[in-house]
Amino acid sequence: MVTDAGRPEPTLIMHFTHIDNLPGVLKAGKLFSDSGVGSQLATNVGAAEIKARRRQRIVPCTPGGVVADYVPFYLAPRSPMMYRIACDYRDGRPGCYPGGDDPLVYLVSSVERVDAAGLDWVASDGNCSVGLTSFSARLDDLATLIDWPLLRARVWKDIPEDMDRMRRRAAEFLVHREFPLNLVIGYAVRTDERQEQVKQLLRDAGMIEPYVRVRPDWYYGYERREVRQ
């Protein structure tokens, strides 16, 4: 269902992490914010300069703090961050996470589940590290805060008549401090092979019938370019 204002109901939220991190996440039973995760990440896919900006960016509404104090979720797949990861792999860019988007696993929940659980959250209308971005902690504001048609668009690059598309396409739903895994409704991966890997990890963690769906359309899946001498 889609509301008149464009917000889907239920409103899915998506956090992705490297499959190497999943055993630790499952053991803890929760996701942690960047400021709270410490050394628990086995493989870090985030860019250092972006993380640094998120540690400085103040969240102007309750519960406050900085963006790094929140567990980040996107409101649509194929985010600009995942695009950067896929391009870094394709281009063999030095100094970046080298593995591409294939090993990334989506943990999927919904705005409604988080709100019903009474967790503190804040939504942004775009990239949280950009000063232009606005925030709100009101559920009613989501209909107009987020550019829902753009989030549904396959192509979201900036164009001459709208040079703010990329920022808005990176809108986030931020959960304060921790996100309990009992609010996850399912997992998504790129390939059948990854599906079996993730299912086994979930079974090892005690889940009898884990829900893991193969969604290649949620990924970019670029291959490494040949480097000619």
Protein backbone atom coordinates (compact mmCIF):
# COMPACT_ATOMS: atom_id res chain seq x y z
CA MET A 1 0.00 0.00 0.00
CA VAL A 2 1.14 3.57 -0.75
CA THR A 3 -0.39 6.58 0.96
CA ASP A 4 -1.61 9.61 -0.98
CA ALA A 5 1.55 11.43 0.06
CA GLY A 6 3.67 8.60 -1.31
CA ARG A 7 4.88 6.92 1.88
CA PRO A 8 4.52 3.13 1.67
CA GLU A 9 2.79 1.35 4.52
CA PRO A 10 4.40 -0.57 6.06
CA THR A 11 7.49 1.54 5.55
CA LEU A 12 10.47 -0.77 5.19
CA ILE A 13 13.87 0.18 6.59
CA MET A 14 17.11 -1.53 5.58
CA HIS A 15 20.49 -1.80 7.29
CA PHE A 16 23.28 -3.59 5.49
CA THR A 17 26.45 -5.09 6.90
CA HIS A 18 29.20 -7.37 5.65
CA ILE A 19 28.45 -11.06 6.04
CA ASP A 20 31.62 -11.35 8.18
CA ASN A 21 29.90 -9.17 10.79
CA LEU A 22 26.74 -11.26 11.00
CA PRO A 23 27.94 -13.86 13.56
CA GLY A 24 28.85 -11.07 15.99
CA VAL A 25 25.57 -9.27 15.41
CA LEU A 26 23.61 -12.48 16.01
CA LYS A 27 25.59 -13.26 19.16
CA ALA A 28 24.89 -9.79 20.55
CA GLY A 29 21.23 -9.95 19.51
CA LYS A 30 21.33 -6.34 18.37
CA LEU A 31 22.91 -3.79 16.07
CA PHE A 32 24.97 -1.03 17.66
CA SER A 33 25.50 2.57 16.61
CA ASP A 34 28.88 3.51 15.18
CA SER A 35 29.81 5.23 18.44
CA GLY A 36 28.88 2.11 20.43
CA VAL A 37 30.10 -0.76 18.26
CA GLY A 38 33.77 -0.37 19.20
CA SER A 39 35.98 -3.12 17.75
CA GLN A 40 33.13 -5.58 17.20
CA LEU A 41 33.08 -5.18 13.39
CA ALA A 42 35.01 -7.94 11.65
CA THR A 43 34.87 -6.09 8.32
CA ASN A 44 34.21 -2.36 8.06
CA VAL A 45 32.74 -1.20 4.74
CA GLY A 46 32.27 2.46 5.70
CA ALA A 47 34.45 5.30 4.43
CA ALA A 48 36.57 6.84 7.19
CA GLU A 49 35.94 10.43 6.11
CA ILE A 50 32.16 9.94 6.09
CA LYS A 51 32.20 8.28 9.50
CA ALA A 52 34.23 11.21 10.85
CA ARG A 53 31.62 13.70 9.61
CA ARG A 54 28.82 11.65 11.16
CA ARG A 55 30.61 11.81 14.52
CA GLN A 56 30.47 15.60 14.31
CA ARG A 57 26.97 16.12 12.83
CA ILE A 58 24.55 17.18 15.56
CA VAL A 59 21.03 15.74 15.54
CA PRO A 60 18.89 18.81 16.34
CA CYS A 61 15.83 17.02 17.72
CA THR A 62 15.22 14.64 20.63
CA PRO A 63 16.99 12.40 21.62
CA GLY A 64 19.83 14.51 20.23
CA GLY A 65 23.50 13.60 20.18
CA VAL A 66 25.34 13.09 16.91
CA VAL A 67 24.48 10.93 13.90
CA ALA A 68 27.07 8.33 14.95
CA ASP A 69 24.97 7.70 18.09
CA TYR A 70 22.31 6.04 15.92
CA VAL A 71 21.97 2.74 14.08
CA PRO A 72 21.48 3.77 10.43
CA PHE A 73 18.80 2.39 8.12
CA TYR A 74 18.00 3.39 4.57
CA LEU A 75 14.43 3.68 3.34
CA ALA A 76 15.17 2.10 -0.04
CA PRO A 77 17.68 -0.37 -1.46
CA ARG A 78 20.53 0.52 -3.85
CA SER A 79 21.56 3.51 -1.78
CA PRO A 80 24.27 5.99 -2.81
CA MET A 81 26.51 4.43 -0.16
CA MET A 82 26.13 0.98 -1.71
CA TYR A 83 26.79 2.53 -5.12
CA ARG A 84 30.08 3.96 -3.83
CA ILE A 85 31.05 0.55 -2.42
CA ALA A 86 30.24 -1.15 -5.73
CA CYS A 87 32.15 1.46 -7.74
CA ASP A 88 35.20 1.30 -5.46
CA TYR A 89 35.34 -2.44 -6.10
CA ARG A 90 34.76 -2.08 -9.85
CA ASP A 91 37.51 0.51 -10.17
CA GLY A 92 39.95 -1.13 -7.72
CA ARG A 93 40.20 2.14 -5.83
CA PRO A 94 43.12 1.99 -3.37
CA GLY A 95 42.57 2.59 0.34
CA CYS A 96 38.88 1.60 0.24
CA TYR A 97 36.99 -1.49 1.36
CA PRO A 98 37.84 -3.86 -1.52
CA GLY A 99 35.05 -6.44 -1.49
CA GLY A 100 32.18 -4.83 -3.40
CA ASP A 101 28.49 -5.15 -2.57
CA ASP A 102 28.04 -8.91 -3.09
CA PRO A 103 29.02 -9.84 0.53
CA LEU A 104 26.63 -7.28 2.02
CA VAL A 105 23.55 -8.55 3.85
CA TYR A 106 20.40 -6.47 4.37
CA LEU A 107 18.60 -6.65 7.72
CA VAL A 108 15.05 -5.48 7.05
CA SER A 109 12.50 -4.07 9.48
CA SER A 110 9.88 -1.32 9.34
CA VAL A 111 9.24 2.13 10.73
CA GLU A 112 6.03 0.85 12.27
CA ARG A 113 7.76 -1.96 14.20
CA VAL A 114 10.38 0.40 15.59
CA ASP A 115 7.82 3.00 16.59
CA ALA A 116 5.51 0.40 18.20
CA ALA A 117 8.46 -0.92 20.22
CA GLY A 118 8.91 2.53 21.75
CA LEU A 119 12.48 3.00 20.51
CA ASP A 120 13.83 6.50 20.07
CA TRP A 121 14.38 7.31 16.40
CA VAL A 122 14.99 10.21 14.05
CA ALA A 123 14.52 10.43 10.28
CA SER A 124 16.49 12.58 7.87
CA ASP A 125 15.45 14.00 4.52
CA GLY A 126 18.83 13.17 3.00
CA ASN A 127 22.51 12.43 3.57
CA CYS A 128 23.12 12.93 7.28
CA SER A 129 26.66 14.24 6.81
CA VAL A 130 25.45 17.21 4.72
CA GLY A 131 24.63 20.46 6.50
CA LEU A 132 21.52 21.07 4.36
CA THR A 133 19.82 17.92 5.68
CA SER A 134 16.79 18.22 7.98
CA PHE A 135 15.66 15.85 10.74
CA SER A 136 12.40 14.93 12.44
CA ALA A 137 11.29 12.49 15.13
CA ARG A 138 7.58 12.80 14.28
CA LEU A 139 5.92 9.90 12.50
CA ASP A 140 3.45 12.23 10.80
CA ASP A 141 6.32 14.19 9.23
CA LEU A 142 7.62 11.24 7.22
CA ALA A 143 5.04 11.71 4.47
CA THR A 144 6.48 15.10 3.50
CA LEU A 145 10.02 14.94 4.91
CA ILE A 146 11.11 12.16 2.54
CA ASP A 147 11.11 12.34 -1.27
CA TRP A 148 9.29 9.01 -1.73
CA PRO A 149 9.04 9.11 -5.54
CA LEU A 150 12.81 9.59 -5.72
CA LEU A 151 13.38 6.67 -3.34
CA ARG A 152 11.37 4.47 -5.69
CA ALA A 153 13.29 5.67 -8.77
CA ARG A 154 15.89 3.38 -10.34
CA VAL A 155 18.05 6.33 -11.40
CA TRP A 156 18.71 8.99 -8.79
CA LYS A 157 21.78 10.93 -10.01
CA ASP A 158 21.82 14.72 -9.89
CA ILE A 159 20.56 16.42 -13.04
CA PRO A 160 20.93 20.07 -14.16
CA GLU A 161 17.40 20.97 -13.10
CA ASP A 162 17.77 19.23 -9.72
CA MET A 163 21.27 19.03 -8.24
CA ASP A 164 20.03 17.77 -4.86
CA ARG A 165 18.78 14.32 -5.90
CA MET A 166 21.74 12.31 -4.60
CA ARG A 167 21.53 13.93 -1.17
CA ARG A 168 17.79 13.27 -0.88
CA ARG A 169 18.16 9.68 -2.12
CA ALA A 170 20.35 9.01 0.93
CA ALA A 171 17.53 9.73 3.42
CA GLU A 172 17.88 7.67 6.59
CA PHE A 173 15.91 6.29 9.50
CA LEU A 174 18.13 6.40 12.59
CA VAL A 175 17.50 4.29 15.69
CA HIS A 176 19.11 5.61 18.85
CA ARG A 177 22.00 3.59 20.32
CA GLU A 178 20.84 0.00 19.66
CA PHE A 179 18.47 -1.97 17.45
CA PRO A 180 17.24 -5.35 18.81
CA LEU A 181 17.17 -8.16 16.26
CA ASN A 182 13.70 -9.27 17.34
CA LEU A 183 12.44 -6.35 15.24
CA VAL A 184 13.99 -7.77 12.05
CA ILE A 185 11.38 -9.17 9.66
CA GLY A 186 13.83 -10.72 7.22
CA TYR A 187 17.20 -10.69 5.49
CA ALA A 188 18.10 -10.07 1.85
CA VAL A 189 21.15 -11.07 -0.17
CA ARG A 190 22.32 -10.86 -3.77
CA THR A 191 22.81 -14.52 -4.77
CA ASP A 192 21.63 -18.04 -4.01
CA GLU A 193 25.08 -18.84 -2.61
CA ARG A 194 24.88 -15.94 -0.16
CA GLN A 195 21.38 -17.04 0.78
CA GLU A 196 22.66 -20.45 1.87
CA GLN A 197 25.55 -18.87 3.78
CA VAL A 198 23.27 -16.52 5.67
CA LYS A 199 20.67 -19.21 6.36
CA GLN A 200 23.37 -21.40 7.88
CA LEU A 201 24.62 -18.56 10.07
CA LEU A 202 21.07 -17.93 11.26
CA ARG A 203 20.50 -21.63 11.94
CA ASP A 204 23.76 -21.74 13.90
CA ALA A 205 22.35 -18.87 15.98
CA GLY A 206 19.24 -20.91 16.79
CA MET A 207 16.77 -19.79 14.13
CA ILE A 208 14.78 -22.77 12.84
CA GLU A 209 13.31 -21.30 9.66
CA PRO A 210 15.23 -18.10 8.86
CA TYR A 211 13.65 -15.85 6.23
CA VAL A 212 16.34 -14.89 3.73
CA ARG A 213 15.33 -13.65 0.29
CA VAL A 214 17.51 -13.33 -2.81
CA ARG A 215 17.10 -9.78 -4.14
CA PRO A 216 19.67 -9.04 -6.88
CA ASP A 217 17.68 -5.89 -7.77
CA TRP A 218 18.72 -4.45 -4.40
CA TYR A 219 22.38 -4.50 -5.46
CA TYR A 220 24.62 -3.07 -8.17
CA GLY A 221 26.83 -6.15 -8.56
CA TYR A 222 29.57 -4.51 -10.62
CA GLU A 223 32.47 -6.70 -11.69
CA ARG A 224 36.10 -5.68 -11.32
CA ARG A 225 37.39 -3.89 -14.40
CA GLU A 226 40.38 -5.34 -16.19
CA VAL A 227 43.48 -3.25 -15.63
CA ARG A 228 45.60 -2.95 -18.79
CA GLN A 229 49.27 -2.14 -18.60
